PDB file of N, CA and C in Angstrom:
ATOM      1  N   UNK A   1    -141.470 134.495-156.366  1.00  0.00           N
ATOM      2  CA  UNK A   1    -141.344 135.319-157.481  1.00  0.00           C
ATOM      3  C   UNK A   1    -140.307 136.421-157.250  1.00  0.00           C
ATOM      4  N   UNK A   2    -139.255 136.398-158.090  1.00  0.00           N
ATOM      5  CA  UNK A   2    -138.218 137.298-157.936  1.00  0.00           C
ATOM      6  C   UNK A   2    -137.695 137.865-159.174  1.00  0.00           C
ATOM      7  N   UNK A   3    -136.606 138.648-159.155  1.00  0.00           N
ATOM      8  CA  UNK A   3    -136.015 139.070-160.358  1.00  0.00           C
ATOM      9  C   UNK A   3    -135.126 138.076-160.947  1.00  0.00           C
ATOM     10  N   UNK A   4    -135.234 137.828-162.171  1.00  0.00           N
ATOM     11  CA  UNK A   4    -134.324 136.849-162.897  1.00  0.00           C
ATOM     12  C   UNK A   4    -133.827 137.482-164.077  1.00  0.00           C
ATOM     13  N   UNK A   5    -132.743 136.957-164.591  1.00  0.00           N
ATOM     14  CA  UNK A   5    -132.142 137.472-165.857  1.00  0.00           C
ATOM     15  C   UNK A   5    -133.312 137.536-166.940  1.00  0.00           C
ATOM     16  N   UNK A   6    -134.107 136.567-167.058  1.00  0.00           N
ATOM     17  CA  UNK A   6    -135.060 136.485-168.045  1.00  0.00           C
ATOM     18  C   UNK A   6    -136.171 137.580-167.936  1.00  0.00           C
ATOM     19  N   UNK A   7    -136.560 137.846-166.652  1.00  0.00           N
ATOM     20  CA  UNK A   7    -137.415 139.025-166.405  1.00  0.00           C
ATOM     21  C   UNK A   7    -136.937 140.344-166.699  1.00  0.00           C
ATOM     22  N   UNK A   8    -135.602 140.428-166.477  1.00  0.00           N
ATOM     23  CA  UNK A   8    -134.857 141.698-166.720  1.00  0.00           C
ATOM     24  C   UNK A   8    -134.874 142.018-168.372  1.00  0.00           C
ATOM     25  N   UNK A   9    -134.511 140.819-169.035  1.00  0.00           N
ATOM     26  CA  UNK A   9    -134.489 140.924-170.536  1.00  0.00           C
ATOM     27  C   UNK A   9    -135.851 141.228-171.053  1.00  0.00           C
ATOM     28  N   UNK A  10    -136.821 140.591-170.583  1.00  0.00           N
ATOM     29  CA  UNK A  10    -138.146 140.885-170.996  1.00  0.00           C
ATOM     30  C   UNK A  10    -138.581 142.344-170.765  1.00  0.00           C
ATOM     31  N   UNK A  11    -138.251 142.822-169.566  1.00  0.00           N
ATOM     32  CA  UNK A  11    -138.597 144.295-169.370  1.00  0.00           C
ATOM     33  C   UNK A  11    -137.859 145.222-170.176  1.00  0.00           C
ATOM     34  N   UNK A  12    -136.562 144.930-170.571  1.00  0.00           N
ATOM     35  CA  UNK A  12    -135.813 145.727-171.492  1.00  0.00           C
ATOM     36  C   UNK A  12    -136.376 145.769-172.883  1.00  0.00           C
ATOM     37  N   UNK A  13    -136.771 144.507-173.282  1.00  0.00           N
ATOM     38  CA  UNK A  13    -137.467 144.382-174.627  1.00  0.00           C
ATOM     39  C   UNK A  13    -138.675 145.050-174.793  1.00  0.00           C
ATOM     40  N   UNK A  14    -139.462 145.134-173.637  1.00  0.00           N
ATOM     41  CA  UNK A  14    -140.742 145.767-173.619  1.00  0.00           C
ATOM     42  C   UNK A  14    -140.665 147.197-173.266  1.00  0.00           C
ATOM     43  N   UNK A  15    -139.443 147.708-173.039  1.00  0.00           N
ATOM     44  CA  UNK A  15    -139.262 149.108-172.621  1.00  0.00           C
ATOM     45  C   UNK A  15    -139.968 149.542-171.359  1.00  0.00           C
ATOM     46  N   UNK A  16    -139.982 148.657-170.343  1.00  0.00           N
ATOM     47  CA  UNK A  16    -140.609 148.932-169.144  1.00  0.00           C
ATOM     48  C   UNK A  16    -139.720 148.608-167.930  1.00  0.00           C
ATOM     49  N   UNK A  17    -138.501 148.756-168.101  1.00  0.00           N
ATOM     50  CA  UNK A  17    -137.518 148.441-166.994  1.00  0.00           C
ATOM     51  C   UNK A  17    -137.194 149.795-166.384  1.00  0.00           C
ATOM     52  N   UNK A  18    -137.715 149.945-165.102  1.00  0.00           N
ATOM     53  CA  UNK A  18    -137.316 151.235-164.380  1.00  0.00           C
ATOM     54  C   UNK A  18    -135.963 151.122-163.873  1.00  0.00           C
ATOM     55  N   UNK A  19    -135.123 152.035-164.357  1.00  0.00           N
ATOM     56  CA  UNK A  19    -133.753 152.126-163.899  1.00  0.00           C
ATOM     57  C   UNK A  19    -133.570 153.286-162.962  1.00  0.00           C
ATOM     58  N   UNK A  20    -132.981 153.108-161.829  1.00  0.00           N
ATOM     59  CA  UNK A  20    -132.822 154.280-160.889  1.00  0.00           C
ATOM     60  C   UNK A  20    -131.835 155.336-161.395  1.00  0.00           C
ATOM     61  N   UNK A  21    -132.174 156.534-161.250  1.00  0.00           N
ATOM     62  CA  UNK A  21    -131.239 157.563-161.459  1.00  0.00           C
ATOM     63  C   UNK A  21    -130.313 157.794-160.470  1.00  0.00           C
ATOM     64  N   UNK A  22    -129.253 158.438-160.662  1.00  0.00           N
ATOM     65  CA  UNK A  22    -128.217 158.690-159.587  1.00  0.00           C
ATOM     66  C   UNK A  22    -128.721 159.312-158.378  1.00  0.00           C
ATOM     67  N   UNK A  23    -129.593 160.332-158.546  1.00  0.00           N
ATOM     68  CA  UNK A  23    -130.085 160.965-157.354  1.00  0.00           C
ATOM     69  C   UNK A  23    -130.975 159.958-156.498  1.00  0.00           C
ATOM     70  N   UNK A  24    -131.699 159.139-157.123  1.00  0.00           N
ATOM     71  CA  UNK A  24    -132.451 158.134-156.440  1.00  0.00           C
ATOM     72  C   UNK A  24    -131.616 157.107-155.684  1.00  0.00           C
ATOM     73  N   UNK A  25    -130.542 156.731-156.236  1.00  0.00           N
ATOM     74  CA  UNK A  25    -129.514 155.795-155.644  1.00  0.00           C
ATOM     75  C   UNK A  25    -128.819 156.532-154.446  1.00  0.00           C
ATOM     76  N   UNK A  26    -128.458 157.799-154.632  1.00  0.00           N
ATOM     77  CA  UNK A  26    -127.752 158.572-153.553  1.00  0.00           C
ATOM     78  C   UNK A  26    -128.825 158.816-152.359  1.00  0.00           C
ATOM     79  N   UNK A  27    -129.999 159.029-152.674  1.00  0.00           N
ATOM     80  CA  UNK A  27    -130.936 159.178-151.636  1.00  0.00           C
ATOM     81  C   UNK A  27    -131.198 157.884-150.833  1.00  0.00           C
ATOM     82  N   UNK A  28    -131.199 156.681-151.582  1.00  0.00           N
ATOM     83  CA  UNK A  28    -131.310 155.457-150.938  1.00  0.00           C
ATOM     84  C   UNK A  28    -130.138 155.139-150.135  1.00  0.00           C
ATOM     85  N   UNK A  29    -128.925 155.519-150.590  1.00  0.00           N
ATOM     86  CA  UNK A  29    -127.693 155.269-149.844  1.00  0.00           C
ATOM     87  C   UNK A  29    -127.732 156.143-148.517  1.00  0.00           C
ATOM     88  N   UNK A  30    -128.082 157.294-148.670  1.00  0.00           N
ATOM     89  CA  UNK A  30    -128.242 158.121-147.365  1.00  0.00           C
ATOM     90  C   UNK A  30    -129.208 157.625-146.433  1.00  0.00           C
ATOM     91  N   UNK A  31    -130.364 157.153-146.865  1.00  0.00           N
ATOM     92  CA  UNK A  31    -131.446 156.618-145.926  1.00  0.00           C
ATOM     93  C   UNK A  31    -130.930 155.331-145.335  1.00  0.00           C
ATOM     94  N   UNK A  32    -130.235 154.541-146.085  1.00  0.00           N
ATOM     95  CA  UNK A  32    -129.804 153.156-145.550  1.00  0.00           C
ATOM     96  C   UNK A  32    -128.652 153.422-144.578  1.00  0.00           C
ATOM     97  N   UNK A  33    -127.830 154.409-144.933  1.00  0.00           N
ATOM     98  CA  UNK A  33    -126.669 154.625-144.008  1.00  0.00           C
ATOM     99  C   UNK A  33    -127.104 155.308-142.633  1.00  0.00           C
ATOM    100  N   UNK A  34    -128.175 156.005-142.786  1.00  0.00           N
ATOM    101  CA  UNK A  34    -128.766 156.649-141.428  1.00  0.00           C
ATOM    102  C   UNK A  34    -129.550 155.541-140.669  1.00  0.00           C
ATOM    103  N   UNK A  35    -129.920 154.444-141.259  1.00  0.00           N
ATOM    104  CA  UNK A  35    -130.698 153.386-140.521  1.00  0.00           C
ATOM    105  C   UNK A  35    -129.635 152.627-139.558  1.00  0.00           C
ATOM    106  N   UNK A  36    -130.090 152.605-138.284  1.00  0.00           N
ATOM    107  CA  UNK A  36    -129.199 152.013-137.328  1.00  0.00           C
ATOM    108  C   UNK A  36    -129.078 150.465-137.599  1.00  0.00           C
ATOM    109  N   UNK A  37    -130.109 149.813-138.212  1.00  0.00           N
ATOM    110  CA  UNK A  37    -129.961 148.420-138.519  1.00  0.00           C
ATOM    111  C   UNK A  37    -129.356 147.982-139.807  1.00  0.00           C
ATOM    112  N   UNK A  38    -128.984 149.027-140.608  1.00  0.00           N
ATOM    113  CA  UNK A  38    -128.310 148.755-141.849  1.00  0.00           C
ATOM    114  C   UNK A  38    -126.788 148.448-141.640  1.00  0.00           C
ATOM    115  N   UNK A  39    -126.233 147.703-142.550  1.00  0.00           N
ATOM    116  CA  UNK A  39    -124.866 147.397-142.487  1.00  0.00           C
ATOM    117  C   UNK A  39    -124.110 148.050-143.619  1.00  0.00           C
ATOM    118  N   UNK A  40    -122.823 148.110-143.620  1.00  0.00           N
ATOM    119  CA  UNK A  40    -122.027 148.492-144.667  1.00  0.00           C
ATOM    120  C   UNK A  40    -122.279 147.754-146.022  1.00  0.00           C
ATOM    121  N   UNK A  41    -122.593 146.481-145.835  1.00  0.00           N
ATOM    122  CA  UNK A  41    -122.816 145.576-146.943  1.00  0.00           C
ATOM    123  C   UNK A  41    -124.171 146.063-147.594  1.00  0.00           C
ATOM    124  N   UNK A  42    -125.158 146.340-146.867  1.00  0.00           N
ATOM    125  CA  UNK A  42    -126.401 146.893-147.332  1.00  0.00           C
ATOM    126  C   UNK A  42    -126.180 148.127-148.211  1.00  0.00           C
ATOM    127  N   UNK A  43    -125.350 149.089-147.743  1.00  0.00           N
ATOM    128  CA  UNK A  43    -125.048 150.282-148.507  1.00  0.00           C
ATOM    129  C   UNK A  43    -124.241 149.871-149.777  1.00  0.00           C
ATOM    130  N   UNK A  44    -123.259 149.024-149.693  1.00  0.00           N
ATOM    131  CA  UNK A  44    -122.546 148.523-150.886  1.00  0.00           C
ATOM    132  C   UNK A  44    -123.424 147.973-151.902  1.00  0.00           C
ATOM    133  N   UNK A  45    -124.451 147.203-151.540  1.00  0.00           N
ATOM    134  CA  UNK A  45    -125.378 146.620-152.570  1.00  0.00           C
ATOM    135  C   UNK A  45    -126.113 147.635-153.205  1.00  0.00           C
ATOM    136  N   UNK A  46    -126.548 148.739-152.580  1.00  0.00           N
ATOM    137  CA  UNK A  46    -127.295 149.767-153.168  1.00  0.00           C
ATOM    138  C   UNK A  46    -126.383 150.530-154.181  1.00  0.00           C
ATOM    139  N   UNK A  47    -125.154 150.819-153.827  1.00  0.00           N
ATOM    140  CA  UNK A  47    -124.235 151.529-154.628  1.00  0.00           C
ATOM    141  C   UNK A  47    -123.943 150.754-155.931  1.00  0.00           C
ATOM    142  N   UNK A  48    -123.897 149.377-155.790  1.00  0.00           N
ATOM    143  CA  UNK A  48    -123.575 148.580-156.962  1.00  0.00           C
ATOM    144  C   UNK A  48    -124.722 148.628-158.046  1.00  0.00           C
ATOM    145  N   UNK A  49    -125.801 149.172-157.733  1.00  0.00           N
ATOM    146  CA  UNK A  49    -126.886 149.314-158.699  1.00  0.00           C
ATOM    147  C   UNK A  49    -126.572 150.419-159.674  1.00  0.00           C
ATOM    148  N   UNK A  50    -125.687 151.304-159.379  1.00  0.00           N
ATOM    149  CA  UNK A  50    -125.310 152.454-160.310  1.00  0.00           C
ATOM    150  C   UNK A  50    -123.889 152.323-160.686  1.00  0.00           C
ATOM    151  N   UNK A  51    -123.589 152.243-161.887  1.00  0.00           N
ATOM    152  CA  UNK A  51    -122.182 151.927-162.417  1.00  0.00           C
ATOM    153  C   UNK A  51    -121.311 153.056-162.133  1.00  0.00           C
ATOM    154  N   UNK A  52    -121.848 154.320-162.403  1.00  0.00           N
ATOM    155  CA  UNK A  52    -120.944 155.533-162.254  1.00  0.00           C
ATOM    156  C   UNK A  52    -120.584 155.741-160.710  1.00  0.00           C
ATOM    157  N   UNK A  53    -121.540 155.532-159.953  1.00  0.00           N
ATOM    158  CA  UNK A  53    -121.342 155.756-158.489  1.00  0.00           C
ATOM    159  C   UNK A  53    -120.369 154.558-157.972  1.00  0.00           C
ATOM    160  N   UNK A  54    -120.540 153.412-158.520  1.00  0.00           N
ATOM    161  CA  UNK A  54    -119.679 152.252-158.058  1.00  0.00           C
ATOM    162  C   UNK A  54    -118.312 152.565-158.446  1.00  0.00           C
ATOM    163  N   UNK A  55    -118.001 153.034-159.720  1.00  0.00           N
ATOM    164  CA  UNK A  55    -116.688 153.357-160.216  1.00  0.00           C
ATOM    165  C   UNK A  55    -116.048 154.366-159.308  1.00  0.00           C
ATOM    166  N   UNK A  56    -116.847 155.392-159.023  1.00  0.00           N
ATOM    167  CA  UNK A  56    -116.199 156.427-158.193  1.00  0.00           C
ATOM    168  C   UNK A  56    -115.943 156.041-156.780  1.00  0.00           C
ATOM    169  N   UNK A  57    -116.721 155.262-156.179  1.00  0.00           N
ATOM    170  CA  UNK A  57    -116.524 154.707-154.884  1.00  0.00           C
ATOM    171  C   UNK A  57    -115.222 153.909-154.727  1.00  0.00           C
ATOM    172  N   UNK A  58    -115.181 153.031-155.805  1.00  0.00           N
ATOM    173  CA  UNK A  58    -113.860 152.216-155.716  1.00  0.00           C
ATOM    174  C   UNK A  58    -112.638 152.977-156.091  1.00  0.00           C
ATOM    175  N   UNK A  59    -112.774 153.987-156.901  1.00  0.00           N
ATOM    176  CA  UNK A  59    -111.684 154.998-157.222  1.00  0.00           C
ATOM    177  C   UNK A  59    -111.219 155.793-155.918  1.00  0.00           C
ATOM    178  N   UNK A  60    -112.172 156.252-155.170  1.00  0.00           N
ATOM    179  CA  UNK A  60    -111.788 157.094-153.980  1.00  0.00           C
ATOM    180  C   UNK A  60    -111.396 156.012-152.907  1.00  0.00           C
ATOM    181  N   UNK A  61    -111.912 154.818-152.849  1.00  0.00           N
ATOM    182  CA  UNK A  61    -111.422 153.850-151.866  1.00  0.00           C
ATOM    183  C   UNK A  61    -109.948 153.460-152.093  1.00  0.00           C
ATOM    184  N   UNK A  62    -109.507 153.677-153.356  1.00  0.00           N
ATOM    185  CA  UNK A  62    -108.112 153.400-153.599  1.00  0.00           C
ATOM    186  C   UNK A  62    -107.127 154.659-153.692  1.00  0.00           C
ATOM    187  N   UNK A  63    -107.743 155.752-153.443  1.00  0.00           N
ATOM    188  CA  UNK A  63    -106.983 156.968-153.464  1.00  0.00           C
ATOM    189  C   UNK A  63    -105.955 156.950-152.292  1.00  0.00           C
ATOM    190  N   UNK A  64    -105.012 157.885-152.302  1.00  0.00           N
ATOM    191  CA  UNK A  64    -103.960 157.983-151.280  1.00  0.00           C
ATOM    192  C   UNK A  64    -104.495 158.029-149.898  1.00  0.00           C
ATOM    193  N   UNK A  65    -105.588 158.772-149.735  1.00  0.00           N
ATOM    194  CA  UNK A  65    -106.151 158.928-148.349  1.00  0.00           C
ATOM    195  C   UNK A  65    -106.605 157.590-147.794  1.00  0.00           C
ATOM    196  N   UNK A  66    -107.105 156.693-148.656  1.00  0.00           N
ATOM    197  CA  UNK A  66    -107.844 155.504-148.053  1.00  0.00           C
ATOM    198  C   UNK A  66    -106.989 154.148-148.389  1.00  0.00           C
ATOM    199  N   UNK A  67    -105.962 154.335-149.238  1.00  0.00           N
ATOM    200  CA  UNK A  67    -105.264 153.146-149.771  1.00  0.00           C
ATOM    201  C   UNK A  67    -104.719 152.269-148.571  1.00  0.00           C
ATOM    202  N   UNK A  68    -104.960 150.961-148.771  1.00  0.00           N
ATOM    203  CA  UNK A  68    -104.359 149.987-147.856  1.00  0.00           C
ATOM    204  C   UNK A  68    -103.293 149.270-148.539  1.00  0.00           C
ATOM    205  N   UNK A  69    -102.985 148.144-147.974  1.00  0.00           N
ATOM    206  CA  UNK A  69    -101.848 147.342-148.514  1.00  0.00           C
ATOM    207  C   UNK A  69    -102.347 146.595-149.850  1.00  0.00           C
ATOM    208  N   UNK A  70    -103.602 146.253-149.873  1.00  0.00           N
ATOM    209  CA  UNK A  70    -104.184 145.709-151.056  1.00  0.00           C
ATOM    210  C   UNK A  70    -105.217 146.660-151.575  1.00  0.00           C
ATOM    211  N   UNK A  71    -105.233 146.710-152.931  1.00  0.00           N
ATOM    212  CA  UNK A  71    -106.266 147.592-153.585  1.00  0.00           C
ATOM    213  C   UNK A  71    -107.707 147.114-153.243  1.00  0.00           C
ATOM    214  N   UNK A  72    -108.760 148.102-153.111  1.00  0.00           N
ATOM    215  CA  UNK A  72    -110.092 147.745-152.957  1.00  0.00           C
ATOM    216  C   UNK A  72    -110.554 147.449-154.399  1.00  0.00           C
ATOM    217  N   UNK A  73    -110.890 146.135-154.702  1.00  0.00           N
ATOM    218  CA  UNK A  73    -111.278 145.833-156.094  1.00  0.00           C
ATOM    219  C   UNK A  73    -112.794 145.865-156.331  1.00  0.00           C
ATOM    220  N   UNK A  74    -113.608 145.820-155.197  1.00  0.00           N
ATOM    221  CA  UNK A  74    -115.021 145.788-155.211  1.00  0.00           C
ATOM    222  C   UNK A  74    -115.548 147.029-154.540  1.00  0.00           C
ATOM    223  N   UNK A  75    -116.816 147.258-154.808  1.00  0.00           N
ATOM    224  CA  UNK A  75    -117.502 148.403-154.058  1.00  0.00           C
ATOM    225  C   UNK A  75    -117.626 147.938-152.576  1.00  0.00           C
ATOM    226  N   UNK A  76    -117.898 146.725-152.233  1.00  0.00           N
ATOM    227  CA  UNK A  76    -117.887 146.329-150.865  1.00  0.00           C
ATOM    228  C   UNK A  76    -116.665 146.581-150.082  1.00  0.00           C
ATOM    229  N   UNK A  77    -115.454 146.294-150.732  1.00  0.00           N
ATOM    230  CA  UNK A  77    -114.294 146.577-150.112  1.00  0.00           C
ATOM    231  C   UNK A  77    -113.961 148.022-149.892  1.00  0.00           C
ATOM    232  N   UNK A  78    -114.421 148.800-150.955  1.00  0.00           N
ATOM    233  CA  UNK A  78    -114.142 150.223-150.795  1.00  0.00           C
ATOM    234  C   UNK A  78    -114.896 150.969-149.788  1.00  0.00           C
ATOM    235  N   UNK A  79    -116.194 150.416-149.650  1.00  0.00           N
ATOM    236  CA  UNK A  79    -117.194 151.044-148.638  1.00  0.00           C
ATOM    237  C   UNK A  79    -116.704 150.658-147.321  1.00  0.00           C
ATOM    238  N   UNK A  80    -116.282 149.460-147.168  1.00  0.00           N
ATOM    239  CA  UNK A  80    -115.771 149.042-145.831  1.00  0.00           C
ATOM    240  C   UNK A  80    -114.457 149.885-145.371  1.00  0.00           C
ATOM    241  N   UNK A  81    -113.631 150.168-146.369  1.00  0.00           N
ATOM    242  CA  UNK A  81    -112.445 150.890-146.142  1.00  0.00           C
ATOM    243  C   UNK A  81    -112.791 152.348-145.767  1.00  0.00           C
ATOM    244  N   UNK A  82    -113.785 152.973-146.418  1.00  0.00           N
ATOM    245  CA  UNK A  82    -114.101 154.353-146.150  1.00  0.00           C
ATOM    246  C   UNK A  82    -115.070 154.618-145.008  1.00  0.00           C
ATOM    247  N   UNK A  83    -115.968 153.741-144.785  1.00  0.00           N
ATOM    248  CA  UNK A  83    -116.948 153.865-143.641  1.00  0.00           C
ATOM    249  C   UNK A  83    -118.306 154.398-144.212  1.00  0.00           C
ATOM    250  N   UNK A  84    -119.275 154.386-143.365  1.00  0.00           N
ATOM    251  CA  UNK A  84    -120.587 154.833-143.740  1.00  0.00           C
ATOM    252  C   UNK A  84    -120.735 156.317-144.026  1.00  0.00           C
ATOM    253  N   UNK A  85    -120.085 157.042-143.021  1.00  0.00           N
ATOM    254  CA  UNK A  85    -120.133 158.589-143.057  1.00  0.00           C
ATOM    255  C   UNK A  85    -119.540 159.069-144.399  1.00  0.00           C
ATOM    256  N   UNK A  86    -118.348 158.605-144.706  1.00  0.00           N
ATOM    257  CA  UNK A  86    -117.691 159.057-145.912  1.00  0.00           C
ATOM    258  C   UNK A  86    -118.435 158.600-147.164  1.00  0.00           C
ATOM    259  N   UNK A  87    -118.912 157.429-147.191  1.00  0.00           N
ATOM    260  CA  UNK A  87    -119.670 156.936-148.418  1.00  0.00           C
ATOM    261  C   UNK A  87    -120.938 157.717-148.614  1.00  0.00           C
ATOM    262  N   UNK A  88    -121.590 158.031-147.585  1.00  0.00           N
ATOM    263  CA  UNK A  88    -122.909 158.791-147.470  1.00  0.00           C
ATOM    264  C   UNK A  88    -122.551 160.208-148.099  1.00  0.00           C
ATOM    265  N   UNK A  89    -121.597 160.943-147.603  1.00  0.00           N
ATOM    266  CA  UNK A  89    -121.158 162.209-148.047  1.00  0.00           C
ATOM    267  C   UNK A  89    -120.708 162.164-149.543  1.00  0.00           C
ATOM    268  N   UNK A  90    -119.933 161.111-149.848  1.00  0.00           N
ATOM    269  CA  UNK A  90    -119.505 161.118-151.191  1.00  0.00           C
ATOM    270  C   UNK A  90    -120.588 160.846-152.260  1.00  0.00           C
ATOM    271  N   UNK A  91    -121.478 160.023-151.886  1.00  0.00           N
ATOM    272  CA  UNK A  91    -122.720 159.760-152.791  1.00  0.00           C
ATOM    273  C   UNK A  91    -123.529 161.033-152.998  1.00  0.00           C
ATOM    274  N   UNK A  92    -123.655 161.807-151.968  1.00  0.00           N
ATOM    275  CA  UNK A  92    -124.415 163.115-151.985  1.00  0.00           C
ATOM    276  C   UNK A  92    -123.538 164.144-152.889  1.00  0.00           C
ATOM    277  N   UNK A  93    -122.374 164.199-152.675  1.00  0.00           N
ATOM    278  CA  UNK A  93    -121.438 165.133-153.419  1.00  0.00           C
ATOM    279  C   UNK A  93    -121.451 164.813-154.900  1.00  0.00           C
ATOM    280  N   UNK A  94    -121.519 163.499-155.221  1.00  0.00           N
ATOM    281  CA  UNK A  94    -121.527 163.125-156.583  1.00  0.00           C
ATOM    282  C   UNK A  94    -122.830 163.561-157.284  1.00  0.00           C
ATOM    283  N   UNK A  95    -123.889 163.577-156.542  1.00  0.00           N
ATOM    284  CA  UNK A  95    -125.172 163.962-157.107  1.00  0.00           C
ATOM    285  C   UNK A  95    -125.186 165.420-157.333  1.00  0.00           C
ATOM    286  N   UNK A  96    -124.535 166.239-156.498  1.00  0.00           N
ATOM    287  CA  UNK A  96    -124.531 167.641-156.571  1.00  0.00           C
ATOM    288  C   UNK A  96    -123.586 168.066-157.694  1.00  0.00           C
ATOM    289  N   UNK A  97    -122.547 167.268-158.069  1.00  0.00           N
ATOM    290  CA  UNK A  97    -121.636 167.779-159.121  1.00  0.00           C
ATOM    291  C   UNK A  97    -122.219 167.840-160.417  1.00  0.00           C
TER     292      UNK A  97
END
């Protein structure tokens, strides 16, 4: 039993879909980044659950400071480019803003 598109639609129609707020996502990013067993992919998957945070991470990943030869077009690419410490700090700062 898992999450399916149908179950999400049902939850939306019944007004019982719990959506994480940005602070909850940022806290989860921090906790996962602090976990020694977590990977950058794990952090990226958490970030992808919040559209605003995802957009900002990709934007910063493509800034002059982190820009590579090719643009980071996904959250995963941007998080790998910036690293766990930077992503953790960025997620926290966006919550504070």
